[in-house]
N, C-alpha and C. Protein backbone atom coordinates (compact mmCIF):
# COMPACT_ATOMS: atom_id res chain seq x y z
N MET A 1 23.40 -32.57 -47.14
CA MET A 1 22.87 -33.24 -46.17
C MET A 1 22.15 -34.37 -47.65
N SER A 2 22.08 -35.65 -46.85
CA SER A 2 21.59 -36.28 -47.74
C SER A 2 19.90 -36.50 -48.21
N ALA A 3 19.54 -36.79 -49.22
CA ALA A 3 17.93 -36.93 -49.16
C ALA A 3 17.30 -37.64 -47.65
N GLU A 4 17.91 -38.50 -47.23
CA GLU A 4 17.07 -39.21 -46.04
C GLU A 4 17.19 -38.30 -44.96
N ASN A 5 18.58 -37.41 -44.74
CA ASN A 5 18.68 -36.39 -43.53
C ASN A 5 17.60 -35.37 -44.10
N TYR A 6 17.44 -34.83 -45.23
CA TYR A 6 15.87 -33.99 -45.59
C TYR A 6 14.92 -34.48 -45.19
N LEU A 7 14.57 -35.14 -45.68
CA LEU A 7 13.02 -35.93 -45.21
C LEU A 7 12.97 -36.18 -43.62
N MET A 8 14.28 -36.48 -43.00
CA MET A 8 13.48 -37.03 -41.89
C MET A 8 13.94 -35.46 -40.89
N ASP A 9 14.49 -34.51 -41.08
CA ASP A 9 14.27 -33.42 -40.72
C ASP A 9 12.92 -32.30 -40.56
N ILE A 10 12.03 -33.18 -41.95
CA ILE A 10 10.99 -32.46 -42.04
C ILE A 10 10.04 -33.20 -41.22
N LYS A 11 10.52 -34.70 -40.89
CA LYS A 11 9.57 -35.17 -40.19
C LYS A 11 9.41 -34.72 -39.02
N GLN A 12 10.69 -34.50 -38.85
CA GLN A 12 10.96 -34.47 -37.41
C GLN A 12 10.73 -32.48 -36.83
N SER A 13 10.51 -31.93 -37.53
CA SER A 13 9.69 -29.94 -37.63
C SER A 13 8.41 -30.41 -37.50
N ASP A 14 7.81 -31.89 -38.05
CA ASP A 14 6.06 -31.91 -37.98
C ASP A 14 6.05 -32.78 -36.82
N ARG A 15 7.35 -32.84 -36.05
CA ARG A 15 6.68 -33.84 -34.32
C ARG A 15 6.87 -32.13 -33.63
N ARG A 16 7.99 -31.82 -33.86
CA ARG A 16 8.24 -30.42 -33.23
C ARG A 16 6.74 -29.96 -32.65
N ILE A 17 6.58 -29.64 -34.15
CA ILE A 17 5.24 -28.57 -34.17
C ILE A 17 3.98 -28.85 -33.65
N GLY A 18 3.91 -30.64 -33.55
CA GLY A 18 2.97 -31.17 -32.72
C GLY A 18 3.09 -30.60 -31.03
N GLU A 19 4.39 -31.38 -30.58
CA GLU A 19 4.94 -31.02 -29.49
C GLU A 19 4.25 -29.63 -28.68
N LEU A 20 4.88 -28.43 -29.91
CA LEU A 20 4.67 -26.88 -29.46
C LEU A 20 3.10 -27.19 -29.51
N VAL A 21 2.23 -27.72 -30.48
CA VAL A 21 0.75 -27.16 -30.02
C VAL A 21 0.22 -27.86 -28.84
N ARG A 22 0.56 -29.11 -28.82
CA ARG A 22 0.38 -29.68 -27.43
C ARG A 22 0.45 -28.85 -26.09
N LEU A 23 1.97 -28.23 -25.77
CA LEU A 23 2.45 -27.02 -24.87
C LEU A 23 0.88 -25.96 -25.21
N GLN A 24 0.77 -25.36 -26.40
CA GLN A 24 -0.21 -24.37 -26.45
C GLN A 24 -1.40 -24.42 -25.50
N THR A 25 -1.99 -25.88 -25.60
CA THR A 25 -2.99 -26.16 -24.83
C THR A 25 -3.22 -26.86 -23.52
N MET A 26 -2.05 -26.99 -23.43
CA MET A 26 -1.58 -27.27 -21.68
C MET A 26 -2.07 -25.64 -21.19
N MET A 27 -1.25 -24.95 -21.89
CA MET A 27 -0.87 -22.95 -21.13
C MET A 27 -2.50 -22.71 -21.52
N ALA A 28 -3.43 -22.79 -22.39
CA ALA A 28 -4.72 -22.52 -23.01
C ALA A 28 -5.44 -22.81 -21.80
N GLY A 29 -5.31 -24.13 -20.65
CA GLY A 29 -6.31 -23.95 -20.02
C GLY A 29 -5.90 -23.92 -18.79
N THR A 30 -4.60 -23.40 -18.42
CA THR A 30 -4.41 -22.45 -16.52
C THR A 30 -4.74 -21.30 -16.69
N PRO A 31 -5.51 -20.44 -16.43
CA PRO A 31 -5.47 -18.98 -16.04
C PRO A 31 -4.25 -18.10 -16.11
N ALA A 32 -4.28 -17.47 -16.98
CA ALA A 32 -3.03 -16.65 -16.77
C ALA A 32 -2.84 -15.51 -15.75
N PRO A 33 -2.12 -16.07 -14.72
CA PRO A 33 -1.72 -15.27 -13.34
C PRO A 33 -1.11 -14.03 -13.86
N ASN A 34 0.11 -13.98 -14.59
CA ASN A 34 0.12 -12.53 -14.37
C ASN A 34 0.75 -12.10 -15.83
N GLU A 35 1.15 -11.12 -16.34
CA GLU A 35 1.48 -10.71 -17.60
C GLU A 35 2.46 -11.56 -18.45
N GLN A 36 3.48 -11.99 -17.36
CA GLN A 36 4.38 -12.98 -18.21
C GLN A 36 4.03 -13.80 -18.68
N ILE A 37 3.14 -14.92 -18.07
CA ILE A 37 2.04 -15.81 -18.50
C ILE A 37 1.40 -15.41 -20.50
N ALA A 38 0.45 -13.85 -20.48
CA ALA A 38 0.07 -14.10 -21.18
C ALA A 38 1.21 -13.70 -22.23
N LEU A 39 2.01 -13.26 -22.15
CA LEU A 39 3.15 -12.66 -23.16
C LEU A 39 4.01 -14.02 -23.41
N ASP A 40 4.11 -15.48 -22.28
CA ASP A 40 4.52 -16.82 -22.91
C ASP A 40 3.89 -17.07 -23.99
N ARG A 41 2.45 -16.97 -23.60
CA ARG A 41 1.62 -17.64 -24.35
C ARG A 41 1.69 -16.72 -26.28
N ALA A 42 1.86 -15.78 -26.08
CA ALA A 42 2.09 -15.21 -27.51
C ALA A 42 3.12 -15.34 -28.29
N ALA A 43 4.23 -15.42 -27.42
CA ALA A 43 5.53 -16.00 -27.74
C ALA A 43 5.22 -17.33 -28.43
N LEU A 44 4.37 -17.92 -27.63
CA LEU A 44 4.61 -19.57 -28.15
C LEU A 44 3.94 -19.87 -29.35
N GLU A 45 2.68 -18.65 -29.26
CA GLU A 45 1.88 -18.99 -30.72
C GLU A 45 2.56 -18.50 -31.99
N GLU A 46 3.36 -17.42 -31.81
CA GLU A 46 3.93 -17.00 -32.92
C GLU A 46 5.06 -18.12 -33.28
N GLN A 47 5.27 -18.56 -32.43
CA GLN A 47 6.65 -19.86 -32.89
C GLN A 47 5.73 -20.64 -33.43
N ILE A 48 4.71 -21.03 -33.27
CA ILE A 48 4.39 -22.57 -34.04
C ILE A 48 3.63 -21.86 -35.08
N THR A 49 2.93 -20.49 -35.37
CA THR A 49 2.99 -20.01 -36.54
C THR A 49 4.07 -19.93 -37.55
N MET A 50 5.35 -19.34 -37.03
CA MET A 50 6.37 -19.33 -37.67
C MET A 50 7.36 -20.86 -38.45
N SER A 51 7.00 -21.45 -37.01
CA SER A 51 7.52 -23.02 -37.39
C SER A 51 6.69 -23.44 -38.69
N TYR A 52 4.97 -23.28 -38.54
CA TYR A 52 4.67 -24.43 -39.57
C TYR A 52 4.42 -23.85 -40.70
N GLN A 53 4.83 -22.19 -41.15
CA GLN A 53 5.35 -21.84 -42.18
C GLN A 53 6.35 -22.37 -42.87
N ASP A 54 7.22 -22.47 -41.99
CA ASP A 54 8.52 -22.74 -42.87
C ASP A 54 8.55 -24.34 -43.19
N ASN A 55 7.76 -25.23 -42.13
CA ASN A 55 7.92 -26.68 -42.25
C ASN A 55 6.54 -26.89 -43.68
N LEU A 56 5.80 -25.83 -43.65
CA LEU A 56 5.18 -26.09 -44.82
C LEU A 56 5.46 -26.10 -46.22
N SER A 57 6.17 -25.26 -46.43
CA SER A 57 7.30 -24.41 -47.61
C SER A 57 7.90 -25.54 -47.96
N GLU A 58 8.49 -26.31 -46.42
CA GLU A 58 9.76 -27.12 -46.92
C GLU A 58 8.84 -28.57 -47.30
N ARG A 59 7.88 -29.09 -46.95
CA ARG A 59 7.06 -29.94 -47.03
C ARG A 59 6.89 -30.16 -48.70
N LYS A 60 6.13 -28.95 -49.35
CA LYS A 60 5.69 -28.48 -49.81
C LYS A 60 6.91 -28.78 -51.48
N ARG A 61 8.47 -28.22 -50.87
CA ARG A 61 9.78 -28.57 -51.86
C ARG A 61 10.08 -30.03 -51.85
N ALA A 62 9.53 -30.67 -50.41
CA ALA A 62 10.02 -32.07 -50.74
C ALA A 62 8.91 -32.91 -51.40
N GLN A 63 7.80 -32.50 -51.85
CA GLN A 63 6.68 -32.99 -52.41
C GLN A 63 7.30 -33.15 -53.94
N ARG A 64 7.69 -32.06 -54.00
CA ARG A 64 8.42 -31.48 -55.53
C ARG A 64 8.70 -32.50 -56.20
N PHE A 65 10.29 -32.86 -55.04
CA PHE A 65 11.62 -33.67 -55.28
C PHE A 65 11.16 -34.82 -55.65
N ILE A 66 10.46 -35.22 -54.91
CA ILE A 66 9.82 -36.48 -55.24
C ILE A 66 8.93 -37.00 -56.16
N ASP A 67 8.08 -35.66 -56.19
CA ASP A 67 7.36 -36.30 -57.55
C ASP A 67 7.89 -36.49 -58.70
N ARG A 68 9.55 -35.93 -58.77
CA ARG A 68 9.98 -35.84 -59.72
C ARG A 68 10.51 -36.92 -60.51
N LEU A 69 10.46 -38.12 -59.27
CA LEU A 69 11.22 -39.35 -59.31
C LEU A 69 10.24 -40.03 -60.32
N PRO A 70 10.60 -40.64 -61.25
CA PRO A 70 9.85 -41.63 -62.02
C PRO A 70 9.31 -42.89 -61.54
N ASP A 71 9.24 -43.18 -61.10
CA ASP A 71 8.84 -44.52 -60.28
C ASP A 71 7.60 -44.62 -59.65
N PRO A 72 6.55 -44.31 -59.88
CA PRO A 72 5.31 -44.25 -59.21
C PRO A 72 4.98 -45.11 -57.45
N THR A 73 6.14 -46.16 -57.78
CA THR A 73 5.90 -46.73 -56.62
C THR A 73 6.93 -46.11 -55.25
N GLU A 74 7.89 -45.55 -55.82
CA GLU A 74 8.86 -44.98 -55.22
C GLU A 74 8.51 -43.64 -54.62
N ARG A 75 7.89 -43.01 -55.49
CA ARG A 75 7.23 -41.74 -54.82
C ARG A 75 5.84 -42.15 -53.87
N GLN A 76 5.44 -43.12 -53.50
CA GLN A 76 3.98 -43.41 -53.18
C GLN A 76 4.54 -43.73 -51.65
N ALA A 77 5.72 -44.49 -51.71
CA ALA A 77 6.87 -45.14 -50.60
C ALA A 77 7.39 -44.21 -49.68
N LEU A 78 7.89 -43.05 -49.95
CA LEU A 78 8.66 -41.86 -49.63
C LEU A 78 7.47 -40.69 -48.97
N THR A 79 6.43 -40.81 -50.16
CA THR A 79 5.03 -39.74 -49.16
C THR A 79 4.74 -40.41 -48.16
N LEU A 80 4.56 -41.57 -48.50
CA LEU A 80 4.19 -41.92 -47.18
C LEU A 80 4.56 -42.30 -45.98
N PHE A 81 5.99 -42.06 -45.95
CA PHE A 81 6.50 -42.79 -44.82
C PHE A 81 7.20 -41.62 -44.35
N TYR A 82 7.65 -40.50 -45.09
CA TYR A 82 7.97 -39.18 -44.51
C TYR A 82 7.38 -38.03 -44.50
N LEU A 83 6.04 -37.85 -45.13
CA LEU A 83 5.38 -36.72 -45.58
C LEU A 83 4.12 -37.11 -44.37
N ARG A 84 3.62 -38.21 -45.20
CA ARG A 84 2.30 -38.71 -43.84
C ARG A 84 2.96 -39.28 -42.78
N HIS A 85 3.80 -39.91 -42.30
CA HIS A 85 3.78 -40.53 -41.30
C HIS A 85 3.83 -41.40 -40.97
N LEU A 86 3.42 -42.36 -41.75
CA LEU A 86 3.09 -44.14 -41.89
C LEU A 86 4.14 -44.62 -41.04
N THR A 87 4.22 -45.75 -40.41
CA THR A 87 5.14 -46.54 -40.17
C THR A 87 5.81 -47.30 -41.60
N CYS A 88 6.59 -47.78 -41.56
CA CYS A 88 6.38 -48.73 -42.00
C CYS A 88 5.92 -50.03 -43.01
N ASP A 89 5.52 -50.22 -41.16
CA ASP A 89 4.11 -51.79 -41.99
C ASP A 89 2.96 -51.10 -42.47
N GLU A 90 2.67 -49.86 -41.75
CA GLU A 90 1.63 -49.19 -42.59
C GLU A 90 1.60 -48.95 -44.12
N ALA A 91 2.60 -48.63 -44.24
CA ALA A 91 2.68 -47.93 -45.53
C ALA A 91 2.72 -49.49 -46.73
N ALA A 92 4.04 -50.00 -46.04
CA ALA A 92 3.71 -51.56 -46.69
C ALA A 92 2.47 -52.43 -47.05
N GLU A 93 1.71 -52.42 -46.00
CA GLU A 93 0.38 -53.09 -46.13
C GLU A 93 -0.63 -51.94 -46.91
N ILE A 94 -0.66 -50.74 -47.12
CA ILE A 94 -0.92 -49.71 -47.88
C ILE A 94 -1.26 -50.19 -49.53
N MET A 95 0.98 -50.20 -49.85
CA MET A 95 0.85 -50.66 -50.81
C MET A 95 1.15 -52.43 -51.52
N GLY A 96 0.43 -52.75 -50.38
CA GLY A 96 0.51 -54.40 -50.95
C GLY A 96 1.57 -55.05 -51.12
N PHE A 97 3.01 -54.82 -49.98
CA PHE A 97 4.05 -54.92 -49.92
C PHE A 97 4.55 -55.61 -48.22
N THR A 98 5.53 -56.20 -48.18
CA THR A 98 5.04 -56.68 -47.26
C THR A 98 6.65 -55.77 -46.74
N PRO A 99 6.97 -55.39 -45.12
CA PRO A 99 7.77 -54.44 -44.70
C PRO A 99 9.23 -54.54 -45.77
N ARG A 100 9.33 -55.47 -45.48
CA ARG A 100 11.11 -55.80 -46.26
C ARG A 100 11.00 -55.36 -47.83
N GLN A 101 10.03 -55.87 -48.35
CA GLN A 101 9.78 -54.72 -49.71
C GLN A 101 9.82 -53.54 -50.21
N LEU A 102 8.89 -52.94 -48.98
CA LEU A 102 9.25 -51.73 -48.63
C LEU A 102 10.50 -50.88 -48.54
N TYR A 103 11.03 -51.09 -47.59
CA TYR A 103 12.05 -50.90 -47.00
C TYR A 103 13.14 -50.83 -48.48
N ARG A 104 13.25 -51.81 -49.18
CA ARG A 104 13.99 -51.75 -50.32
C ARG A 104 13.75 -50.92 -51.83
N VAL A 105 11.85 -50.76 -51.51
CA VAL A 105 11.68 -49.87 -52.57
C VAL A 105 12.21 -47.99 -51.96
N LYS A 106 11.81 -48.23 -50.60
CA LYS A 106 12.45 -46.79 -50.29
C LYS A 106 13.77 -46.28 -50.34
N ARG A 107 14.80 -47.58 -50.43
CA ARG A 107 15.88 -47.46 -50.03
C ARG A 107 16.32 -46.97 -51.45
N ARG A 108 15.67 -47.66 -52.83
CA ARG A 108 15.87 -47.37 -54.41
C ARG A 108 15.64 -45.71 -54.21
N ALA A 109 14.15 -45.68 -53.61
CA ALA A 109 13.52 -43.99 -53.99
C ALA A 109 15.18 -43.14 -53.78
N LEU A 110 15.28 -43.21 -51.90
CA LEU A 110 16.03 -42.63 -52.01
C LEU A 110 17.66 -42.18 -52.45
N MET A 111 17.94 -43.03 -52.99
CA MET A 111 19.35 -43.26 -54.18
C MET A 111 19.04 -42.01 -55.27
N HIS A 112 17.31 -42.76 -55.90
CA HIS A 112 16.97 -41.54 -56.99
C HIS A 112 17.26 -40.06 -56.73
N LEU A 113 16.48 -40.13 -55.45
CA LEU A 113 16.05 -38.83 -54.85
C LEU A 113 17.55 -38.05 -54.26
N GLU A 114 18.07 -38.50 -54.30
CA GLU A 114 20.08 -38.01 -54.12
C GLU A 114 20.24 -37.33 -55.09
N GLY A 115 20.13 -38.04 -56.81
CA GLY A 115 20.50 -37.23 -57.52
C GLY A 115 19.58 -36.03 -58.00
N LEU A 116 18.59 -35.72 -57.34
CA LEU A 116 17.67 -34.88 -57.61
C LEU A 116 18.18 -33.66 -56.80
N LEU A 117 18.75 -33.89 -55.55
CA LEU A 117 18.71 -33.06 -54.21
C LEU A 117 20.42 -32.35 -54.65
N LEU A 118 20.72 -32.81 -55.51
CA LEU A 118 22.41 -32.20 -55.63
C LEU A 118 22.16 -31.12 -56.80
């Protein structure tokens, strides 16, 4: 798996957890007319808890890999884009770059990270 795919998987996992939490919120707003609905709610809560724990573990692992990059600019670019879920424009603004410059930094950082994941 490439470094970019690995980080994108984490980003997607964050989104899936968010969708599950939204579903849980919607389900909580409706009365449970039968036992099956109550069981579905409990199963959803368990799925959210397990997904969150797995995701947290992977995010910590990814952050450790990113932290091993020697260039602080590369570390910040990957963290903002993949782990903080900022858009390229938002991350570029925070870093004082144009989106094009950030893209180059991000691409270079992914190449360096690739070597760490092997």
